[in-house]
Amino acid sequence: YGRDLPLRTTVIFGGVNQTRQVKALARGVDILIATPGRLLDLCNQRHIRLDKVSILVLDEADRM
């Protein structure tokens, strides 16, 4: 639905090499879909900053 919108999106999840995900984050994103584990991992590595997040939807919070 958002293909023609001027928004940059990316998805990050575990179980795969994170290099492509880190590069996508470095380019900047407007919408990020992330699994909790990979999100925390990349936050701890300082690839993601959450201080400018305006809306957060957290799924699987019971697993964190």
N, C-alpha and C. Protein backbone atom coordinates (compact mmCIF):
# COMPACT_ATOMS: atom_id res chain seq x y z
N TYR A 1 0.81 -1.20 0.00
CA TYR A 1 0.00 0.00 0.00
C TYR A 1 0.85 1.26 0.00
N GLY A 2 2.02 1.20 0.56
CA GLY A 2 2.83 2.40 0.68
C GLY A 2 3.90 2.55 -0.38
N ARG A 3 3.85 1.76 -1.40
CA ARG A 3 4.89 1.77 -2.43
C ARG A 3 5.12 3.15 -3.03
N ASP A 4 4.07 3.91 -3.24
CA ASP A 4 4.20 5.21 -3.88
C ASP A 4 4.36 6.37 -2.89
N LEU A 5 4.43 6.07 -1.62
CA LEU A 5 4.62 7.11 -0.62
C LEU A 5 6.11 7.40 -0.44
N PRO A 6 6.44 8.63 -0.07
CA PRO A 6 7.86 8.98 0.11
C PRO A 6 8.40 8.57 1.48
N LEU A 7 8.18 7.32 1.84
CA LEU A 7 8.63 6.80 3.13
C LEU A 7 9.67 5.70 2.91
N ARG A 8 10.69 5.71 3.74
CA ARG A 8 11.69 4.64 3.70
C ARG A 8 11.36 3.64 4.80
N THR A 9 11.24 2.40 4.42
CA THR A 9 10.91 1.35 5.38
C THR A 9 11.97 0.26 5.33
N THR A 10 12.11 -0.45 6.44
CA THR A 10 12.98 -1.63 6.45
C THR A 10 12.50 -2.58 7.53
N VAL A 11 12.90 -3.82 7.39
CA VAL A 11 12.55 -4.88 8.34
C VAL A 11 13.84 -5.47 8.87
N ILE A 12 13.91 -5.66 10.19
CA ILE A 12 15.08 -6.32 10.77
C ILE A 12 14.61 -7.46 11.65
N PHE A 13 15.33 -8.57 11.57
CA PHE A 13 14.97 -9.76 12.33
C PHE A 13 16.21 -10.62 12.48
N GLY A 14 16.20 -11.48 13.46
CA GLY A 14 17.34 -12.35 13.72
C GLY A 14 17.37 -13.55 12.80
N GLY A 15 18.45 -14.31 12.94
CA GLY A 15 18.59 -15.53 12.15
C GLY A 15 19.27 -15.32 10.81
N VAL A 16 19.58 -14.07 10.49
CA VAL A 16 20.28 -13.76 9.24
C VAL A 16 21.43 -12.81 9.57
N ASN A 17 22.36 -12.68 8.64
CA ASN A 17 23.47 -11.75 8.81
C ASN A 17 22.90 -10.34 8.91
N GLN A 18 23.39 -9.56 9.85
CA GLN A 18 22.83 -8.24 10.08
C GLN A 18 23.45 -7.14 9.21
N THR A 19 24.42 -7.44 8.39
CA THR A 19 25.11 -6.41 7.60
C THR A 19 24.15 -5.61 6.73
N ARG A 20 23.29 -6.27 5.97
CA ARG A 20 22.35 -5.55 5.10
C ARG A 20 21.37 -4.72 5.92
N GLN A 21 20.97 -5.24 7.08
CA GLN A 21 20.05 -4.51 7.93
C GLN A 21 20.70 -3.24 8.47
N VAL A 22 21.95 -3.34 8.89
CA VAL A 22 22.68 -2.18 9.41
C VAL A 22 22.86 -1.13 8.32
N LYS A 23 23.16 -1.56 7.11
CA LYS A 23 23.30 -0.61 5.99
C LYS A 23 21.99 0.11 5.71
N ALA A 24 20.89 -0.62 5.76
CA ALA A 24 19.58 0.00 5.54
C ALA A 24 19.28 1.03 6.63
N LEU A 25 19.62 0.72 7.86
CA LEU A 25 19.41 1.66 8.95
C LEU A 25 20.28 2.90 8.78
N ALA A 26 21.50 2.71 8.31
CA ALA A 26 22.42 3.84 8.13
C ALA A 26 21.90 4.81 7.07
N ARG A 27 21.16 4.31 6.09
CA ARG A 27 20.58 5.17 5.06
C ARG A 27 19.41 5.99 5.62
N GLY A 28 18.87 5.54 6.74
CA GLY A 28 17.74 6.23 7.37
C GLY A 28 16.43 5.55 7.04
N VAL A 29 15.55 5.47 8.02
CA VAL A 29 14.25 4.86 7.82
C VAL A 29 13.17 5.71 8.49
N ASP A 30 12.00 5.69 7.90
CA ASP A 30 10.84 6.34 8.49
C ASP A 30 10.00 5.34 9.27
N ILE A 31 9.95 4.11 8.76
CA ILE A 31 9.18 3.04 9.40
C ILE A 31 10.08 1.82 9.53
N LEU A 32 10.22 1.34 10.76
CA LEU A 32 11.05 0.17 11.03
C LEU A 32 10.19 -0.93 11.64
N ILE A 33 10.24 -2.10 11.04
CA ILE A 33 9.57 -3.29 11.58
C ILE A 33 10.70 -4.16 12.13
N ALA A 34 10.61 -4.55 13.40
CA ALA A 34 11.72 -5.28 14.01
C ALA A 34 11.23 -6.30 15.02
N THR A 35 11.94 -7.42 15.07
CA THR A 35 11.69 -8.37 16.15
C THR A 35 12.41 -7.84 17.39
N PRO A 36 11.87 -8.12 18.58
CA PRO A 36 12.46 -7.57 19.80
C PRO A 36 13.94 -7.93 19.99
N GLY A 37 14.30 -9.17 19.72
CA GLY A 37 15.69 -9.59 19.92
C GLY A 37 16.67 -8.84 19.05
N ARG A 38 16.38 -8.73 17.76
CA ARG A 38 17.30 -8.03 16.85
C ARG A 38 17.29 -6.54 17.13
N LEU A 39 16.13 -5.99 17.51
CA LEU A 39 16.06 -4.57 17.86
C LEU A 39 16.98 -4.27 19.03
N LEU A 40 16.89 -5.07 20.08
CA LEU A 40 17.76 -4.86 21.24
C LEU A 40 19.22 -5.06 20.89
N ASP A 41 19.51 -6.06 20.08
CA ASP A 41 20.88 -6.33 19.66
C ASP A 41 21.47 -5.13 18.94
N LEU A 42 20.75 -4.58 17.97
CA LEU A 42 21.26 -3.45 17.21
C LEU A 42 21.28 -2.16 18.03
N CYS A 43 20.38 -2.03 19.00
CA CYS A 43 20.44 -0.89 19.92
C CYS A 43 21.71 -0.97 20.76
N ASN A 44 22.01 -2.16 21.28
CA ASN A 44 23.21 -2.34 22.09
C ASN A 44 24.48 -2.10 21.29
N GLN A 45 24.43 -2.35 19.99
CA GLN A 45 25.59 -2.10 19.12
C GLN A 45 25.60 -0.66 18.61
N ARG A 46 24.62 0.12 19.03
CA ARG A 46 24.48 1.54 18.67
C ARG A 46 24.23 1.77 17.18
N HIS A 47 23.54 0.83 16.56
CA HIS A 47 23.12 1.01 15.17
C HIS A 47 21.73 1.63 15.10
N ILE A 48 21.00 1.56 16.22
CA ILE A 48 19.65 2.11 16.29
C ILE A 48 19.56 3.02 17.49
N ARG A 49 18.98 4.20 17.28
CA ARG A 49 18.68 5.11 18.38
C ARG A 49 17.17 5.26 18.46
N LEU A 50 16.66 5.13 19.65
CA LEU A 50 15.20 5.20 19.83
C LEU A 50 14.74 6.55 20.38
N ASP A 51 15.66 7.49 20.56
CA ASP A 51 15.30 8.76 21.17
C ASP A 51 14.44 9.66 20.28
N LYS A 52 14.38 9.37 18.99
CA LYS A 52 13.56 10.19 18.09
C LYS A 52 12.33 9.45 17.58
N VAL A 53 12.01 8.34 18.20
CA VAL A 53 10.83 7.57 17.81
C VAL A 53 9.59 8.31 18.29
N SER A 54 8.64 8.50 17.39
CA SER A 54 7.41 9.18 17.78
C SER A 54 6.27 8.20 18.05
N ILE A 55 6.30 7.03 17.40
CA ILE A 55 5.28 6.01 17.62
C ILE A 55 5.98 4.66 17.68
N LEU A 56 5.64 3.85 18.68
CA LEU A 56 6.22 2.52 18.82
C LEU A 56 5.10 1.51 18.96
N VAL A 57 5.13 0.49 18.14
CA VAL A 57 4.20 -0.64 18.27
C VAL A 57 5.06 -1.84 18.61
N LEU A 58 4.83 -2.43 19.78
CA LEU A 58 5.66 -3.53 20.26
C LEU A 58 4.84 -4.80 20.31
N ASP A 59 5.28 -5.78 19.56
CA ASP A 59 4.64 -7.09 19.54
C ASP A 59 5.58 -8.06 20.24
N GLU A 60 5.05 -9.12 20.77
CA GLU A 60 5.83 -10.13 21.48
C GLU A 60 6.49 -9.57 22.73
N ALA A 61 5.89 -8.57 23.35
CA ALA A 61 6.46 -7.96 24.54
C ALA A 61 6.60 -8.97 25.67
N ASP A 62 5.78 -9.99 25.67
CA ASP A 62 5.85 -11.00 26.72
C ASP A 62 7.14 -11.82 26.62
N ARG A 63 7.85 -11.76 25.52
CA ARG A 63 9.08 -12.53 25.34
C ARG A 63 10.33 -11.74 25.68
N MET A 64 10.18 -10.45 25.93
CA MET A 64 11.36 -9.61 26.19
C MET A 64 11.83 -9.77 27.63
